[in-house]
């Protein structure tokens, strides 16, 4: 399963996986508007991979098959103040 990966020009650490290079026809227009101008990153054979960086490879394959695309967004940032408070036994607000 060949997969093309694009980086968002508007959202940091946000990537779009699609089935064919430069074919965004299955991606909803509101998503493309939010994503911005796609910057090509790479193309690879997903079926030859066992895992991906932070994305769940099973979910990526499923979404590509069902929807024709997969949007990878960065995990939420950790709140360092809340971590500090929890480590020191202080309740968060």
PDB file of N, CA and C in Angstrom:
ATOM      1  N   UNK A   1       0.848  -1.170   0.000  1.00  0.00           N
ATOM      2  CA  UNK A   1       0.000   0.000   0.000  1.00  0.00           C
ATOM      3  C   UNK A   1       0.897   1.238   0.000  1.00  0.00           C
ATOM      4  N   UNK A   2       1.064   1.861  -1.157  1.00  0.00           N
ATOM      5  CA  UNK A   2       1.862   3.075  -1.243  1.00  0.00           C
ATOM      6  C   UNK A   2       1.136   4.226  -0.565  1.00  0.00           C
ATOM      7  N   UNK A   3       1.888   5.015   0.151  1.00  0.00           N
ATOM      8  CA  UNK A   3       1.324   6.117   0.917  1.00  0.00           C
ATOM      9  C   UNK A   3       2.195   7.349   0.748  1.00  0.00           C
ATOM     10  N   UNK A   4       1.556   8.469   0.455  1.00  0.00           N
ATOM     11  CA  UNK A   4       2.265   9.749   0.363  1.00  0.00           C
ATOM     12  C   UNK A   4       1.994  10.534   1.638  1.00  0.00           C
ATOM     13  N   UNK A   5       3.032  11.183   2.151  1.00  0.00           N
ATOM     14  CA  UNK A   5       2.918  11.940   3.397  1.00  0.00           C
ATOM     15  C   UNK A   5       3.234  13.405   3.123  1.00  0.00           C
ATOM     16  N   UNK A   6       2.382  14.271   3.669  1.00  0.00           N
ATOM     17  CA  UNK A   6       2.535  15.715   3.512  1.00  0.00           C
ATOM     18  C   UNK A   6       2.532  16.385   4.872  1.00  0.00           C
ATOM     19  N   UNK A   7       3.308  17.444   4.997  1.00  0.00           N
ATOM     20  CA  UNK A   7       3.380  18.237   6.219  1.00  0.00           C
ATOM     21  C   UNK A   7       2.510  19.475   6.047  1.00  0.00           C
ATOM     22  N   UNK A   8       1.838  19.861   7.096  1.00  0.00           N
ATOM     23  CA  UNK A   8       0.992  21.055   7.068  1.00  0.00           C
ATOM     24  C   UNK A   8       1.836  22.322   7.070  1.00  0.00           C
ATOM     25  N   UNK A   9       1.409  23.298   6.288  1.00  0.00           N
ATOM     26  CA  UNK A   9       2.074  24.602   6.293  1.00  0.00           C
ATOM     27  C   UNK A   9       1.494  25.518   7.364  1.00  0.00           C
ATOM     28  N   UNK A  10       0.385  25.098   7.987  1.00  0.00           N
ATOM     29  CA  UNK A  10      -0.272  25.932   9.005  1.00  0.00           C
ATOM     30  C   UNK A  10      -0.180  25.374  10.422  1.00  0.00           C
ATOM     31  N   UNK A  11      -0.118  24.065  10.551  1.00  0.00           N
ATOM     32  CA  UNK A  11      -0.151  23.429  11.871  1.00  0.00           C
ATOM     33  C   UNK A  11       1.152  22.666  12.121  1.00  0.00           C
ATOM     34  N   UNK A  12       1.852  23.012  13.178  1.00  0.00           N
ATOM     35  CA  UNK A  12       3.118  22.357  13.508  1.00  0.00           C
ATOM     36  C   UNK A  12       2.927  20.871  13.786  1.00  0.00           C
ATOM     37  N   UNK A  13       3.847  20.070  13.307  1.00  0.00           N
ATOM     38  CA  UNK A  13       3.875  18.616  13.557  1.00  0.00           C
ATOM     39  C   UNK A  13       2.590  17.909  13.145  1.00  0.00           C
ATOM     40  N   UNK A  14       1.933  18.404  12.100  1.00  0.00           N
ATOM     41  CA  UNK A  14       0.695  17.812  11.595  1.00  0.00           C
ATOM     42  C   UNK A  14       0.959  17.273  10.194  1.00  0.00           C
ATOM     43  N   UNK A  15       0.580  15.995   9.979  1.00  0.00           N
ATOM     44  CA  UNK A  15       0.876  15.321   8.722  1.00  0.00           C
ATOM     45  C   UNK A  15      -0.383  14.689   8.146  1.00  0.00           C
ATOM     46  N   UNK A  16      -0.428  14.641   6.829  1.00  0.00           N
ATOM     47  CA  UNK A  16      -1.549  14.052   6.114  1.00  0.00           C
ATOM     48  C   UNK A  16      -1.026  12.902   5.267  1.00  0.00           C
ATOM     49  N   UNK A  17      -1.601  11.715   5.471  1.00  0.00           N
ATOM     50  CA  UNK A  17      -1.254  10.527   4.700  1.00  0.00           C
ATOM     51  C   UNK A  17      -2.360  10.330   3.661  1.00  0.00           C
ATOM     52  N   UNK A  18      -1.983  10.158   2.403  1.00  0.00           N
ATOM     53  CA  UNK A  18      -2.965   9.898   1.354  1.00  0.00           C
ATOM     54  C   UNK A  18      -2.503   8.729   0.492  1.00  0.00           C
ATOM     55  N   UNK A  19      -3.435   8.175  -0.286  1.00  0.00           N
ATOM     56  CA  UNK A  19      -3.150   6.979  -1.083  1.00  0.00           C
ATOM     57  C   UNK A  19      -2.296   7.246  -2.320  1.00  0.00           C
ATOM     58  N   UNK A  20      -2.498   8.380  -2.962  1.00  0.00           N
ATOM     59  CA  UNK A  20      -1.766   8.713  -4.185  1.00  0.00           C
ATOM     60  C   UNK A  20      -1.137  10.086  -4.046  1.00  0.00           C
ATOM     61  N   UNK A  21       0.078  10.207  -4.531  1.00  0.00           N
ATOM     62  CA  UNK A  21       0.778  11.494  -4.443  1.00  0.00           C
ATOM     63  C   UNK A  21      -0.015  12.589  -5.162  1.00  0.00           C
ATOM     64  N   UNK A  22      -0.186  13.693  -4.490  1.00  0.00           N
ATOM     65  CA  UNK A  22      -0.858  14.893  -5.007  1.00  0.00           C
ATOM     66  C   UNK A  22      -2.338  14.702  -5.326  1.00  0.00           C
ATOM     67  N   UNK A  23      -2.956  13.631  -4.834  1.00  0.00           N
ATOM     68  CA  UNK A  23      -4.396  13.411  -5.046  1.00  0.00           C
ATOM     69  C   UNK A  23      -5.124  13.641  -3.722  1.00  0.00           C
ATOM     70  N   UNK A  24      -5.622  14.854  -3.539  1.00  0.00           N
ATOM     71  CA  UNK A  24      -6.302  15.242  -2.306  1.00  0.00           C
ATOM     72  C   UNK A  24      -7.819  15.196  -2.457  1.00  0.00           C
ATOM     73  N   UNK A  25      -8.301  14.500  -3.477  1.00  0.00           N
ATOM     74  CA  UNK A  25      -9.731  14.487  -3.791  1.00  0.00           C
ATOM     75  C   UNK A  25     -10.588  13.870  -2.684  1.00  0.00           C
ATOM     76  N   UNK A  26     -10.029  12.983  -1.874  1.00  0.00           N
ATOM     77  CA  UNK A  26     -10.807  12.341  -0.808  1.00  0.00           C
ATOM     78  C   UNK A  26     -10.733  13.099   0.516  1.00  0.00           C
ATOM     79  N   UNK A  27      -9.925  14.138   0.567  1.00  0.00           N
ATOM     80  CA  UNK A  27      -9.765  14.920   1.796  1.00  0.00           C
ATOM     81  C   UNK A  27     -10.806  16.049   1.788  1.00  0.00           C
ATOM     82  N   UNK A  28     -11.623  16.154   2.839  1.00  0.00           N
ATOM     83  CA  UNK A  28     -12.644  17.209   2.881  1.00  0.00           C
ATOM     84  C   UNK A  28     -12.029  18.610   2.770  1.00  0.00           C
ATOM     85  N   UNK A  29     -12.698  19.483   2.048  1.00  0.00           N
ATOM     86  CA  UNK A  29     -12.175  20.835   1.816  1.00  0.00           C
ATOM     87  C   UNK A  29     -11.937  21.614   3.112  1.00  0.00           C
ATOM     88  N   UNK A  30     -12.842  21.529   4.112  1.00  0.00           N
ATOM     89  CA  UNK A  30     -12.552  22.254   5.368  1.00  0.00           C
ATOM     90  C   UNK A  30     -11.242  21.794   6.020  1.00  0.00           C
ATOM     91  N   UNK A  31     -10.934  20.510   5.915  1.00  0.00           N
ATOM     92  CA  UNK A  31      -9.678  19.999   6.455  1.00  0.00           C
ATOM     93  C   UNK A  31      -8.496  20.561   5.662  1.00  0.00           C
ATOM     94  N   UNK A  32      -8.619  20.599   4.342  1.00  0.00           N
ATOM     95  CA  UNK A  32      -7.546  21.142   3.512  1.00  0.00           C
ATOM     96  C   UNK A  32      -7.331  22.628   3.816  1.00  0.00           C
ATOM     97  N   UNK A  33      -8.412  23.350   4.059  1.00  0.00           N
ATOM     98  CA  UNK A  33      -8.299  24.775   4.394  1.00  0.00           C
ATOM     99  C   UNK A  33      -7.529  24.964   5.703  1.00  0.00           C
ATOM    100  N   UNK A  34      -7.836  24.136   6.682  1.00  0.00           N
ATOM    101  CA  UNK A  34      -7.171  24.204   7.972  1.00  0.00           C
ATOM    102  C   UNK A  34      -5.714  23.728   7.866  1.00  0.00           C
ATOM    103  N   UNK A  35      -5.470  22.722   7.027  1.00  0.00           N
ATOM    104  CA  UNK A  35      -4.146  22.123   6.865  1.00  0.00           C
ATOM    105  C   UNK A  35      -3.187  23.081   6.163  1.00  0.00           C
ATOM    106  N   UNK A  36      -3.720  23.864   5.245  1.00  0.00           N
ATOM    107  CA  UNK A  36      -2.880  24.787   4.487  1.00  0.00           C
ATOM    108  C   UNK A  36      -2.253  24.109   3.285  1.00  0.00           C
ATOM    109  N   UNK A  37      -1.268  24.753   2.702  1.00  0.00           N
ATOM    110  CA  UNK A  37      -0.582  24.215   1.530  1.00  0.00           C
ATOM    111  C   UNK A  37       0.214  22.981   1.940  1.00  0.00           C
ATOM    112  N   UNK A  38      -0.118  21.801   1.388  1.00  0.00           N
ATOM    113  CA  UNK A  38       0.602  20.580   1.756  1.00  0.00           C
ATOM    114  C   UNK A  38       2.033  20.601   1.230  1.00  0.00           C
ATOM    115  N   UNK A  39       2.968  20.258   2.084  1.00  0.00           N
ATOM    116  CA  UNK A  39       4.377  20.173   1.693  1.00  0.00           C
ATOM    117  C   UNK A  39       4.762  18.691   1.653  1.00  0.00           C
ATOM    118  N   UNK A  40       5.092  18.211   0.456  1.00  0.00           N
ATOM    119  CA  UNK A  40       5.438  16.792   0.284  1.00  0.00           C
ATOM    120  C   UNK A  40       6.637  16.430   1.148  1.00  0.00           C
ATOM    121  N   UNK A  41       6.505  15.302   1.868  1.00  0.00           N
ATOM    122  CA  UNK A  41       7.585  14.824   2.730  1.00  0.00           C
ATOM    123  C   UNK A  41       8.209  13.564   2.152  1.00  0.00           C
ATOM    124  N   UNK A  42       7.371  12.544   1.890  1.00  0.00           N
ATOM    125  CA  UNK A  42       7.896  11.277   1.383  1.00  0.00           C
ATOM    126  C   UNK A  42       6.775  10.372   0.909  1.00  0.00           C
ATOM    127  N   UNK A  43       7.179   9.316   0.222  1.00  0.00           N
ATOM    128  CA  UNK A  43       6.262   8.270  -0.189  1.00  0.00           C
ATOM    129  C   UNK A  43       6.903   6.947   0.229  1.00  0.00           C
ATOM    130  N   UNK A  44       6.103   6.053   0.785  1.00  0.00           N
ATOM    131  CA  UNK A  44       6.636   4.758   1.199  1.00  0.00           C
ATOM    132  C   UNK A  44       5.553   3.695   1.107  1.00  0.00           C
ATOM    133  N   UNK A  45       5.987   2.445   1.168  1.00  0.00           N
ATOM    134  CA  UNK A  45       5.071   1.310   1.109  1.00  0.00           C
ATOM    135  C   UNK A  45       4.670   0.953   2.538  1.00  0.00           C
ATOM    136  N   UNK A  46       3.445   1.276   2.892  1.00  0.00           N
ATOM    137  CA  UNK A  46       2.941   1.058   4.246  1.00  0.00           C
ATOM    138  C   UNK A  46       2.881  -0.429   4.596  1.00  0.00           C
ATOM    139  N   UNK A  47       2.659  -1.262   3.605  1.00  0.00           N
ATOM    140  CA  UNK A  47       2.545  -2.705   3.865  1.00  0.00           C
ATOM    141  C   UNK A  47       3.883  -3.331   4.261  1.00  0.00           C
ATOM    142  N   UNK A  48       4.975  -2.642   4.006  1.00  0.00           N
ATOM    143  CA  UNK A  48       6.298  -3.168   4.368  1.00  0.00           C
ATOM    144  C   UNK A  48       6.794  -2.634   5.703  1.00  0.00           C
ATOM    145  N   UNK A  49       5.968  -1.862   6.362  1.00  0.00           N
ATOM    146  CA  UNK A  49       6.332  -1.300   7.666  1.00  0.00           C
ATOM    147  C   UNK A  49       5.634  -2.069   8.772  1.00  0.00           C
ATOM    148  N   UNK A  50       6.301  -2.171   9.902  1.00  0.00           N
ATOM    149  CA  UNK A  50       5.700  -2.794  11.077  1.00  0.00           C
ATOM    150  C   UNK A  50       5.187  -1.736  12.052  1.00  0.00           C
ATOM    151  N   UNK A  51       5.801  -0.546  12.004  1.00  0.00           N
ATOM    152  CA  UNK A  51       5.357   0.534  12.879  1.00  0.00           C
ATOM    153  C   UNK A  51       5.724   1.870  12.253  1.00  0.00           C
ATOM    154  N   UNK A  52       5.098   2.917  12.774  1.00  0.00           N
ATOM    155  CA  UNK A  52       5.377   4.291  12.363  1.00  0.00           C
ATOM    156  C   UNK A  52       5.832   5.057  13.587  1.00  0.00           C
ATOM    157  N   UNK A  53       6.316   6.266  13.392  1.00  0.00           N
ATOM    158  CA  UNK A  53       6.788   7.099  14.511  1.00  0.00           C
ATOM    159  C   UNK A  53       5.806   7.158  15.664  1.00  0.00           C
ATOM    160  N   UNK A  54       4.885   8.101  15.619  1.00  0.00           N
ATOM    161  CA  UNK A  54       3.915   8.231  16.719  1.00  0.00           C
ATOM    162  C   UNK A  54       2.528   7.772  16.320  1.00  0.00           C
ATOM    163  N   UNK A  55       2.328   7.462  15.049  1.00  0.00           N
ATOM    164  CA  UNK A  55       1.005   7.043  14.571  1.00  0.00           C
ATOM    165  C   UNK A  55       0.836   5.529  14.728  1.00  0.00           C
ATOM    166  N   UNK A  56      -0.382   5.115  15.010  1.00  0.00           N
ATOM    167  CA  UNK A  56      -0.736   3.702  15.104  1.00  0.00           C
ATOM    168  C   UNK A  56      -0.903   3.165  13.687  1.00  0.00           C
ATOM    169  N   UNK A  57      -0.016   2.277  13.263  1.00  0.00           N
ATOM    170  CA  UNK A  57      -0.003   1.811  11.875  1.00  0.00           C
ATOM    171  C   UNK A  57      -1.300   1.106  11.485  1.00  0.00           C
ATOM    172  N   UNK A  58      -1.918   0.399  12.413  1.00  0.00           N
ATOM    173  CA  UNK A  58      -3.185  -0.279  12.127  1.00  0.00           C
ATOM    174  C   UNK A  58      -4.270   0.758  11.837  1.00  0.00           C
ATOM    175  N   UNK A  59      -4.309   1.804  12.637  1.00  0.00           N
ATOM    176  CA  UNK A  59      -5.290   2.873  12.437  1.00  0.00           C
ATOM    177  C   UNK A  59      -5.031   3.618  11.120  1.00  0.00           C
ATOM    178  N   UNK A  60      -3.776   3.865  10.801  1.00  0.00           N
ATOM    179  CA  UNK A  60      -3.432   4.547   9.551  1.00  0.00           C
ATOM    180  C   UNK A  60      -3.927   3.723   8.363  1.00  0.00           C
ATOM    181  N   UNK A  61      -3.659   2.431   8.364  1.00  0.00           N
ATOM    182  CA  UNK A  61      -4.102   1.555   7.274  1.00  0.00           C
ATOM    183  C   UNK A  61      -5.633   1.539   7.177  1.00  0.00           C
ATOM    184  N   UNK A  62      -6.287   1.456   8.321  1.00  0.00           N
ATOM    185  CA  UNK A  62      -7.749   1.426   8.364  1.00  0.00           C
ATOM    186  C   UNK A  62      -8.345   2.717   7.792  1.00  0.00           C
ATOM    187  N   UNK A  63      -7.831   3.854   8.225  1.00  0.00           N
ATOM    188  CA  UNK A  63      -8.344   5.147   7.760  1.00  0.00           C
ATOM    189  C   UNK A  63      -8.062   5.365   6.274  1.00  0.00           C
ATOM    190  N   UNK A  64      -6.900   4.938   5.811  1.00  0.00           N
ATOM    191  CA  UNK A  64      -6.595   5.062   4.388  1.00  0.00           C
ATOM    192  C   UNK A  64      -7.559   4.221   3.554  1.00  0.00           C
ATOM    193  N   UNK A  65      -7.855   3.009   4.027  1.00  0.00           N
ATOM    194  CA  UNK A  65      -8.777   2.137   3.299  1.00  0.00           C
ATOM    195  C   UNK A  65     -10.204   2.670   3.312  1.00  0.00           C
ATOM    196  N   UNK A  66     -10.643   3.147   4.481  1.00  0.00           N
ATOM    197  CA  UNK A  66     -12.028   3.612   4.630  1.00  0.00           C
ATOM    198  C   UNK A  66     -12.256   5.018   4.068  1.00  0.00           C
ATOM    199  N   UNK A  67     -11.358   5.950   4.421  1.00  0.00           N
ATOM    200  CA  UNK A  67     -11.577   7.363   4.110  1.00  0.00           C
ATOM    201  C   UNK A  67     -10.699   7.895   2.976  1.00  0.00           C
ATOM    202  N   UNK A  68      -9.607   7.185   2.693  1.00  0.00           N
ATOM    203  CA  UNK A  68      -8.684   7.643   1.657  1.00  0.00           C
ATOM    204  C   UNK A  68      -7.626   8.595   2.173  1.00  0.00           C
ATOM    205  N   UNK A  69      -7.632   8.866   3.486  1.00  0.00           N
ATOM    206  CA  UNK A  69      -6.622   9.737   4.090  1.00  0.00           C
ATOM    207  C   UNK A  69      -6.535   9.466   5.589  1.00  0.00           C
ATOM    208  N   UNK A  70      -5.433   9.915   6.181  1.00  0.00           N
ATOM    209  CA  UNK A  70      -5.260   9.844   7.630  1.00  0.00           C
ATOM    210  C   UNK A  70      -4.575  11.135   8.061  1.00  0.00           C
ATOM    211  N   UNK A  71      -5.097  11.788   9.069  1.00  0.00           N
ATOM    212  CA  UNK A  71      -4.518  13.015   9.602  1.00  0.00           C
ATOM    213  C   UNK A  71      -3.802  12.698  10.906  1.00  0.00           C
ATOM    214  N   UNK A  72      -2.502  12.976  10.938  1.00  0.00           N
ATOM    215  CA  UNK A  72      -1.709  12.768  12.151  1.00  0.00           C
ATOM    216  C   UNK A  72      -1.484  14.118  12.812  1.00  0.00           C
ATOM    217  N   UNK A  73      -2.007  14.246  14.025  1.00  0.00           N
ATOM    218  CA  UNK A  73      -1.814  15.480  14.785  1.00  0.00           C
ATOM    219  C   UNK A  73      -0.895  15.188  15.971  1.00  0.00           C
ATOM    220  N   UNK A  74      -0.186  16.200  16.444  1.00  0.00           N
ATOM    221  CA  UNK A  74       0.733  15.952  17.555  1.00  0.00           C
ATOM    222  C   UNK A  74      -0.026  15.655  18.840  1.00  0.00           C
ATOM    223  N   UNK A  75       0.595  14.888  19.729  1.00  0.00           N
ATOM    224  CA  UNK A  75      -0.058  14.641  21.020  1.00  0.00           C
ATOM    225  C   UNK A  75      -0.178  15.944  21.787  1.00  0.00           C
ATOM    226  N   UNK A  76      -1.151  16.027  22.695  1.00  0.00           N
ATOM    227  CA  UNK A  76      -1.306  17.272  23.466  1.00  0.00           C
ATOM    228  C   UNK A  76      -0.054  17.556  24.292  1.00  0.00           C
ATOM    229  N   UNK A  77       0.252  18.834  24.418  1.00  0.00           N
ATOM    230  CA  UNK A  77       1.415  19.227  25.214  1.00  0.00           C
ATOM    231  C   UNK A  77       1.139  18.980  26.689  1.00  0.00           C
ATOM    232  N   UNK A  78       2.174  18.531  27.378  1.00  0.00           N
ATOM    233  CA  UNK A  78       2.040  18.286  28.806  1.00  0.00           C
ATOM    234  C   UNK A  78       2.102  19.621  29.550  1.00  0.00           C
ATOM    235  N   UNK A  79       1.262  19.751  30.554  1.00  0.00           N
ATOM    236  CA  UNK A  79       1.269  20.952  31.373  1.00  0.00           C
ATOM    237  C   UNK A  79       2.303  20.755  32.479  1.00  0.00           C
ATOM    238  N   UNK A  80       3.438  21.413  32.345  1.00  0.00           N
ATOM    239  CA  UNK A  80       4.533  21.220  33.293  1.00  0.00           C
ATOM    240  C   UNK A  80       4.184  21.706  34.703  1.00  0.00           C
ATOM    241  N   UNK A  81       3.363  22.737  34.809  1.00  0.00           N
ATOM    242  CA  UNK A  81       2.958  23.228  36.128  1.00  0.00           C
ATOM    243  C   UNK A  81       2.124  22.176  36.851  1.00  0.00           C
ATOM    244  N   UNK A  82       1.175  21.555  36.125  1.00  0.00           N
ATOM    245  CA  UNK A  82       0.357  20.494  36.735  1.00  0.00           C
ATOM    246  C   UNK A  82       1.220  19.312  37.145  1.00  0.00           C
ATOM    247  N   UNK A  83       2.207  18.965  36.341  1.00  0.00           N
ATOM    248  CA  UNK A  83       3.117  17.870  36.700  1.00  0.00           C
ATOM    249  C   UNK A  83       3.900  18.217  37.961  1.00  0.00           C
ATOM    250  N   UNK A  84       4.393  19.433  38.027  1.00  0.00           N
ATOM    251  CA  UNK A  84       5.147  19.879  39.195  1.00  0.00           C
ATOM    252  C   UNK A  84       4.290  19.813  40.445  1.00  0.00           C
ATOM    253  N   UNK A  85       3.042  20.320  40.334  1.00  0.00           N
ATOM    254  CA  UNK A  85       2.134  20.307  41.479  1.00  0.00           C
ATOM    255  C   UNK A  85       1.839  18.878  41.925  1.00  0.00           C
ATOM    256  N   UNK A  86       1.569  17.996  40.977  1.00  0.00           N
ATOM    257  CA  UNK A  86       1.266  16.601  41.312  1.00  0.00           C
ATOM    258  C   UNK A  86       2.463  15.927  41.973  1.00  0.00           C
ATOM    259  N   UNK A  87       3.644  16.214  41.490  1.00  0.00           N
ATOM    260  CA  UNK A  87       4.863  15.623  42.041  1.00  0.00           C
ATOM    261  C   UNK A  87       5.113  16.113  43.467  1.00  0.00           C
ATOM    262  N   UNK A  88       4.663  17.327  43.765  1.00  0.00           N
ATOM    263  CA  UNK A  88       4.889  17.914  45.079  1.00  0.00           C
ATOM    264  C   UNK A  88       3.663  17.887  45.983  1.00  0.00           C
ATOM    265  N   UNK A  89       2.646  17.132  45.579  1.00  0.00           N
ATOM    266  CA  UNK A  89       1.460  16.954  46.415  1.00  0.00           C
ATOM    267  C   UNK A  89       0.549  18.155  46.499  1.00  0.00           C
ATOM    268  N   UNK A  90       0.592  19.025  45.512  1.00  0.00           N
ATOM    269  CA  UNK A  90      -0.257  20.214  45.480  1.00  0.00           C
ATOM    270  C   UNK A  90      -1.397  19.946  44.528  1.00  0.00           C
ATOM    271  N   UNK A  91      -2.624  20.295  44.941  1.00  0.00           N
ATOM    272  CA  UNK A  91      -3.774  20.085  44.084  1.00  0.00           C
ATOM    273  C   UNK A  91      -3.814  21.125  42.982  1.00  0.00           C
ATOM    274  N   UNK A  92      -4.239  20.704  41.781  1.00  0.00           N
ATOM    275  CA  UNK A  92      -4.383  21.639  40.652  1.00  0.00           C
ATOM    276  C   UNK A  92      -5.668  22.431  40.814  1.00  0.00           C
ATOM    277  N   UNK A  93      -5.696  23.605  40.221  1.00  0.00           N
ATOM    278  CA  UNK A  93      -6.880  24.478  40.281  1.00  0.00           C
ATOM    279  C   UNK A  93      -8.022  23.888  39.498  1.00  0.00           C
TER     280      UNK A  93
END
